[in-house]
């Protein structure tokens, strides 16, 4: 019999991840607050559920991919939630990005009710989710990680067990810190190059082949040049993540001066009403601070 997976949260990331699980041969039932998202999964060969309880009732594995700590807590511990309706012994994998302490607390609560819980946040954005090439950093028991390996293999490429419950979220916080810094510096580099009239496409191509090269440059550079900020990962979510890492760093007594600046840039862009744009839209802010946005308008 095939493994039955319930997938809760079928948005930009969860939708393609659930579809890849279907392609891998799993029996996938999906639930999303917007029913149309679950119907898309049904069109891809899965099943659409009308509630969390309906989705998880017979599941061997429950996967969640929702925006924030309160959302995960509600999905797992709510009256209609996973802990109340999934079979005892089910493996619960939270792919969301949330606070490390919340992940650890939820793992402990799940264990008390007979569940195996892993925090497994991902990196790679929408493209990585579609391609099944996500990086997955996993916190939890080693035996549970081994049991989840076939699920991880269907949605990810770099899959690493990084420690006990909450550890995956700690590593993800570090990831989001680095990505924000890379994006901000890439935005500054593009603005700098454009100010000198350089062929920016050629410039980014050669920069990408040297020490300055990164996945951020490869995937977000062309979008910046095209001013295409269609969301693959929204500014509002990155702002939430930067709040997680700055709070966690403060609690640990770790100073992150560059990260604090990056966090303020992300927060500023969100405050201006651009929270729904892709995080590559940091270019908009850097251009504005440089007076380049108005200069370009004047040239039209």
Protein backbone atom coordinates (compact mmCIF):
# COMPACT_ATOMS: atom_id res chain seq x y z
CA UNK A 1 0.00 0.00 0.00
CA UNK A 2 1.24 3.47 -0.79
CA UNK A 3 1.99 5.95 1.96
CA UNK A 4 -0.91 8.31 2.56
CA UNK A 5 0.14 11.95 2.94
CA UNK A 6 -2.02 14.84 4.07
CA UNK A 7 -0.66 18.20 2.91
CA UNK A 8 -1.95 21.30 4.69
CA UNK A 9 -1.19 24.63 2.97
CA UNK A 10 -1.08 24.63 -0.82
CA UNK A 11 0.25 28.08 -1.63
CA UNK A 12 3.24 29.18 -3.72
CA UNK A 13 5.47 26.59 -2.06
CA UNK A 14 3.06 23.96 -0.75
CA UNK A 15 1.16 23.52 -4.01
CA UNK A 16 4.10 22.38 -6.14
CA UNK A 17 5.56 20.36 -3.26
CA UNK A 18 2.31 18.42 -2.90
CA UNK A 19 2.17 17.92 -6.68
CA UNK A 20 5.70 16.48 -6.63
CA UNK A 21 4.65 14.04 -3.92
CA UNK A 22 1.82 12.88 -6.20
CA UNK A 23 4.32 12.43 -9.05
CA UNK A 24 6.51 10.36 -6.73
CA UNK A 25 3.65 7.90 -6.23
CA UNK A 26 2.29 8.96 -2.85
CA UNK A 27 -1.43 9.12 -2.15
CA UNK A 28 -1.81 12.84 -1.35
CA UNK A 29 -4.81 14.60 0.16
CA UNK A 30 -4.55 18.38 0.33
CA UNK A 31 -6.30 21.07 2.30
CA UNK A 32 -6.09 24.83 1.86
CA UNK A 33 -8.20 27.67 3.23
CA UNK A 34 -8.77 28.65 -0.40
CA UNK A 35 -10.57 25.59 -1.85
CA UNK A 36 -9.38 26.34 -5.40
CA UNK A 37 -5.82 25.47 -4.36
CA UNK A 38 -6.93 22.03 -3.20
CA UNK A 39 -8.81 21.55 -6.47
CA UNK A 40 -5.57 22.25 -8.35
CA UNK A 41 -3.98 19.39 -6.43
CA UNK A 42 -6.93 17.17 -7.34
CA UNK A 43 -6.38 18.05 -11.00
CA UNK A 44 -2.76 16.93 -10.57
CA UNK A 45 -3.85 13.52 -9.25
CA UNK A 46 -4.31 14.16 -5.55
CA UNK A 47 -7.49 14.52 -3.51
CA UNK A 48 -9.05 17.73 -2.21
CA UNK A 49 -10.19 17.76 1.42
CA UNK A 50 -12.80 20.11 2.86
CA UNK A 51 -11.17 20.36 6.30
CA UNK A 52 -7.95 19.56 8.13
CA UNK A 53 -9.76 16.75 9.95
CA UNK A 54 -10.87 15.26 6.63
CA UNK A 55 -7.36 15.51 5.20
CA UNK A 56 -5.47 13.87 8.08
CA UNK A 57 -7.94 11.21 9.25
CA UNK A 58 -6.16 8.27 7.56
CA UNK A 59 -2.74 9.85 6.98
CA UNK A 60 0.56 8.12 7.61
CA UNK A 61 2.35 11.44 7.13
CA UNK A 62 1.03 14.97 7.66
CA UNK A 63 2.93 17.80 5.98
CA UNK A 64 2.26 21.46 6.75
CA UNK A 65 3.36 24.57 4.86
CA UNK A 66 1.71 27.69 6.29
CA UNK A 67 2.93 31.28 6.81
CA UNK A 68 3.84 31.79 10.48
CA UNK A 69 4.13 30.38 14.00
CA UNK A 70 0.50 31.08 15.01
CA UNK A 71 -0.70 29.38 11.82
CA UNK A 72 1.29 26.21 12.51
CA UNK A 73 0.13 26.17 16.11
CA UNK A 74 -3.51 26.50 15.00
CA UNK A 75 -3.18 23.79 12.34
CA UNK A 76 -1.59 21.33 14.73
CA UNK A 77 -3.31 22.05 18.04
CA UNK A 78 -6.69 23.54 17.02
CA UNK A 79 -10.03 21.83 17.60
CA UNK A 80 -10.12 20.84 13.92
CA UNK A 81 -6.36 20.32 13.92
CA UNK A 82 -3.87 17.58 13.25
CA UNK A 83 -3.28 16.44 16.83
CA UNK A 84 -7.02 16.01 17.34
CA UNK A 85 -7.71 13.97 14.20
CA UNK A 86 -4.59 12.28 12.79
CA UNK A 87 -3.91 8.62 13.69
CA UNK A 88 -1.55 8.14 16.63
CA UNK A 89 1.99 7.45 15.47
CA UNK A 90 1.62 9.60 12.35
CA UNK A 91 4.75 11.38 11.19
CA UNK A 92 4.23 15.15 11.13
CA UNK A 93 6.57 17.25 9.00
CA UNK A 94 6.30 21.02 9.26
CA UNK A 95 7.87 22.63 6.20
CA UNK A 96 6.90 26.14 7.36
CA UNK A 97 9.37 28.75 8.60
CA UNK A 98 8.57 29.58 12.22
CA UNK A 99 10.27 30.43 15.51
CA UNK A 100 12.66 27.73 16.77
CA UNK A 101 11.16 27.76 20.26
CA UNK A 102 7.65 27.26 18.87
CA UNK A 103 8.87 24.34 16.77
CA UNK A 104 10.43 22.72 19.84
CA UNK A 105 7.26 23.28 21.90
CA UNK A 106 5.03 21.79 19.21
CA UNK A 107 7.31 18.77 18.85
CA UNK A 108 7.08 18.14 22.58
CA UNK A 109 3.30 18.55 22.54
CA UNK A 110 3.01 16.17 19.61
CA UNK A 111 5.22 13.60 21.30
CA UNK A 112 2.95 13.63 24.35
CA UNK A 113 0.02 12.75 22.07
CA UNK A 114 1.88 9.94 20.32
CA UNK A 115 3.05 11.76 17.20
CA UNK A 116 6.49 12.00 15.63
CA UNK A 117 7.21 15.64 14.73
CA UNK A 118 9.94 17.12 12.54
CA UNK A 119 10.59 20.78 11.77
CA UNK A 120 11.81 20.85 8.18
CA UNK A 121 11.87 24.38 6.75
CA UNK A 122 12.96 24.70 3.14
CA UNK A 123 14.98 27.05 0.97
CA UNK A 124 14.93 27.45 -2.78
CA UNK A 125 11.83 29.53 -3.42
CA UNK A 126 9.04 28.76 -5.86
CA UNK A 127 11.47 27.54 -8.52
CA UNK A 128 13.01 25.04 -6.12
CA UNK A 129 9.56 23.85 -5.07
CA UNK A 130 8.47 23.32 -8.68
CA UNK A 131 11.72 21.57 -9.61
CA UNK A 132 11.73 19.37 -6.49
CA UNK A 133 15.17 20.73 -5.70
CA UNK A 134 14.66 22.40 -2.33
CA UNK A 135 17.23 22.50 0.44
CA UNK A 136 15.65 21.05 3.58
CA UNK A 137 17.08 21.54 7.07
CA UNK A 138 15.53 19.09 9.50
CA UNK A 139 15.21 19.16 13.27
CA UNK A 140 13.95 16.19 15.30
CA UNK A 141 14.80 12.59 16.19
CA UNK A 142 17.20 10.75 13.87
CA UNK A 143 14.83 7.78 13.52
CA UNK A 144 11.99 10.07 12.47
CA UNK A 145 14.27 11.79 9.97
CA UNK A 146 15.13 8.41 8.45
CA UNK A 147 11.44 7.50 8.24
CA UNK A 148 10.70 10.77 6.42
CA UNK A 149 13.51 10.38 3.87
CA UNK A 150 11.29 9.18 0.99
CA UNK A 151 9.05 12.22 1.44
CA UNK A 152 12.02 14.57 1.53
CA UNK A 153 13.54 12.97 -1.56
CA UNK A 154 10.38 13.76 -3.54
CA UNK A 155 10.54 17.50 -2.84
CA UNK A 156 14.19 18.29 -2.13
CA UNK A 157 17.75 17.87 -3.31
CA UNK A 158 19.90 18.89 -0.34
CA UNK A 159 18.41 17.27 2.76
CA UNK A 160 20.29 17.45 6.06
CA UNK A 161 19.41 16.44 9.62
CA UNK A 162 20.79 19.34 11.66
CA UNK A 163 19.87 18.36 15.23
CA UNK A 164 16.99 18.00 17.71
CA UNK A 165 13.58 19.67 17.48
CA UNK A 166 13.84 23.36 16.62
CA UNK A 167 17.27 23.01 14.99
CA UNK A 168 15.85 23.10 11.47
CA UNK A 169 14.22 26.44 12.22
CA UNK A 170 17.45 27.81 13.67
CA UNK A 171 19.32 26.91 10.49
CA UNK A 172 16.52 28.39 8.38
CA UNK A 173 16.80 31.65 10.32
CA UNK A 174 20.50 31.77 9.42
CA UNK A 175 19.56 31.06 5.80
CA UNK A 176 17.10 33.95 5.69
CA UNK A 177 19.67 36.24 7.28
CA UNK A 178 22.17 35.43 4.51
CA UNK A 179 19.61 35.66 1.70
CA UNK A 180 18.46 39.11 2.82
CA UNK A 181 22.05 40.30 2.93
CA UNK A 182 22.79 38.86 -0.52
CA UNK A 183 19.67 40.46 -2.00
CA UNK A 184 20.46 43.86 -0.55
CA UNK A 185 24.03 43.77 -1.87
CA UNK A 186 22.88 42.52 -5.27
CA UNK A 187 20.41 45.41 -5.43
CA UNK A 188 23.21 47.84 -4.58
CA UNK A 189 25.48 46.28 -7.21
CA UNK A 190 22.81 46.53 -9.92
CA UNK A 191 22.10 50.16 -9.03
CA UNK A 192 25.83 50.93 -9.04
CA UNK A 193 26.36 49.26 -12.43
CA UNK A 194 23.38 51.00 -14.00
CA UNK A 195 24.59 54.38 -12.76
CA UNK A 196 27.75 53.89 -14.84
CA UNK A 197 25.91 52.67 -17.93
CA UNK A 198 27.49 49.22 -17.81
CA UNK A 199 25.90 46.30 -19.69
CA UNK A 200 24.33 44.90 -16.54
CA UNK A 201 23.40 41.53 -18.04
CA UNK A 202 27.02 40.95 -19.07
CA UNK A 203 28.24 42.26 -15.73
CA UNK A 204 26.10 39.86 -13.72
CA UNK A 205 27.18 36.99 -15.95
CA UNK A 206 30.84 37.53 -15.20
CA UNK A 207 30.22 38.28 -11.53
CA UNK A 208 28.30 35.03 -11.29
CA UNK A 209 31.35 33.10 -12.44
CA UNK A 210 33.60 34.47 -9.71
CA UNK A 211 33.68 34.64 -5.95
CA UNK A 212 30.65 36.97 -5.98
CA UNK A 213 28.55 34.25 -7.61
CA UNK A 214 25.62 32.82 -5.65
CA UNK A 215 22.23 31.21 -6.10
CA UNK A 216 20.72 34.58 -5.18
CA UNK A 217 22.57 36.25 -8.05
CA UNK A 218 21.67 33.45 -10.47
CA UNK A 219 17.96 33.38 -9.66
CA UNK A 220 17.22 36.97 -8.65
CA UNK A 221 19.63 38.96 -10.81
CA UNK A 222 17.65 38.59 -14.05
CA UNK A 223 14.43 39.48 -12.24
CA UNK A 224 16.01 42.66 -10.90
CA UNK A 225 17.24 43.66 -14.34
CA UNK A 226 13.76 43.04 -15.80
CA UNK A 227 12.07 44.78 -12.84
CA UNK A 228 9.93 41.64 -12.57
CA UNK A 229 8.95 41.29 -8.92
CA UNK A 230 6.30 38.61 -9.37
CA UNK A 231 6.32 36.90 -5.98
CA UNK A 232 8.28 33.69 -5.60
CA UNK A 233 8.91 34.62 -1.97
CA UNK A 234 7.06 37.66 -0.71
CA UNK A 235 8.66 40.58 1.12
CA UNK A 236 6.04 40.22 3.87
CA UNK A 237 7.23 36.69 4.61
CA UNK A 238 10.89 37.67 4.54
CA UNK A 239 10.08 40.48 6.96
CA UNK A 240 8.53 37.89 9.29
CA UNK A 241 11.64 35.72 8.96
CA UNK A 242 13.97 38.62 9.72
CA UNK A 243 11.97 39.25 12.87
CA UNK A 244 12.61 35.63 13.85
CA UNK A 245 16.37 35.81 13.30
CA UNK A 246 16.87 39.19 14.98
CA UNK A 247 14.89 38.08 18.04
CA UNK A 248 16.73 34.77 18.23
CA UNK A 249 20.10 36.47 17.85
CA UNK A 250 19.27 38.91 20.63
CA UNK A 251 18.20 36.03 22.89
CA UNK A 252 21.50 34.23 22.20
CA UNK A 253 23.56 37.38 22.74
CA UNK A 254 24.77 37.37 19.14
CA UNK A 255 25.36 40.68 17.35
CA UNK A 256 24.24 40.83 13.69
CA UNK A 257 24.90 44.44 12.59
CA UNK A 258 24.67 43.77 8.84
CA UNK A 259 21.64 41.57 9.38
CA UNK A 260 19.95 44.32 11.37
CA UNK A 261 20.40 46.74 8.45
CA UNK A 262 19.04 44.15 6.01
CA UNK A 263 16.07 43.58 8.31
CA UNK A 264 15.31 47.31 8.34
CA UNK A 265 15.49 47.49 4.54
CA UNK A 266 13.04 44.60 4.22
CA UNK A 267 10.74 46.16 6.84
CA UNK A 268 10.89 49.52 5.07
CA UNK A 269 9.83 48.01 1.75
CA UNK A 270 6.92 46.25 3.44
CA UNK A 271 5.92 49.50 5.21
CA UNK A 272 5.72 51.25 1.83
CA UNK A 273 3.06 48.77 0.73
CA UNK A 274 5.26 46.39 -1.25
CA UNK A 275 4.90 43.37 1.03
CA UNK A 276 3.24 41.38 -1.73
CA UNK A 277 6.20 41.69 -4.11
CA UNK A 278 9.06 39.24 -4.42
CA UNK A 279 11.98 39.93 -2.08
CA UNK A 280 14.08 40.85 -5.13
CA UNK A 281 12.07 44.08 -4.98
CA UNK A 282 14.69 45.31 -2.54
CA UNK A 283 16.07 46.82 -5.75
CA UNK A 284 13.15 49.29 -5.70
CA UNK A 285 14.18 50.55 -2.28
CA UNK A 286 17.88 50.86 -3.13
CA UNK A 287 16.99 52.73 -6.33
CA UNK A 288 14.73 55.04 -4.35
CA UNK A 289 17.40 55.74 -1.74
CA UNK A 290 19.83 56.50 -4.55
CA UNK A 291 17.41 58.83 -6.31
CA UNK A 292 17.54 56.58 -9.33
CA UNK A 293 13.81 55.84 -9.52
CA UNK A 294 12.97 59.51 -10.07
CA UNK A 295 15.87 59.94 -12.48
CA UNK A 296 14.59 57.08 -14.60
CA UNK A 297 11.08 58.56 -14.58
CA UNK A 298 12.51 61.87 -15.82
CA UNK A 299 14.25 60.09 -18.69
CA UNK A 300 11.01 58.58 -20.00
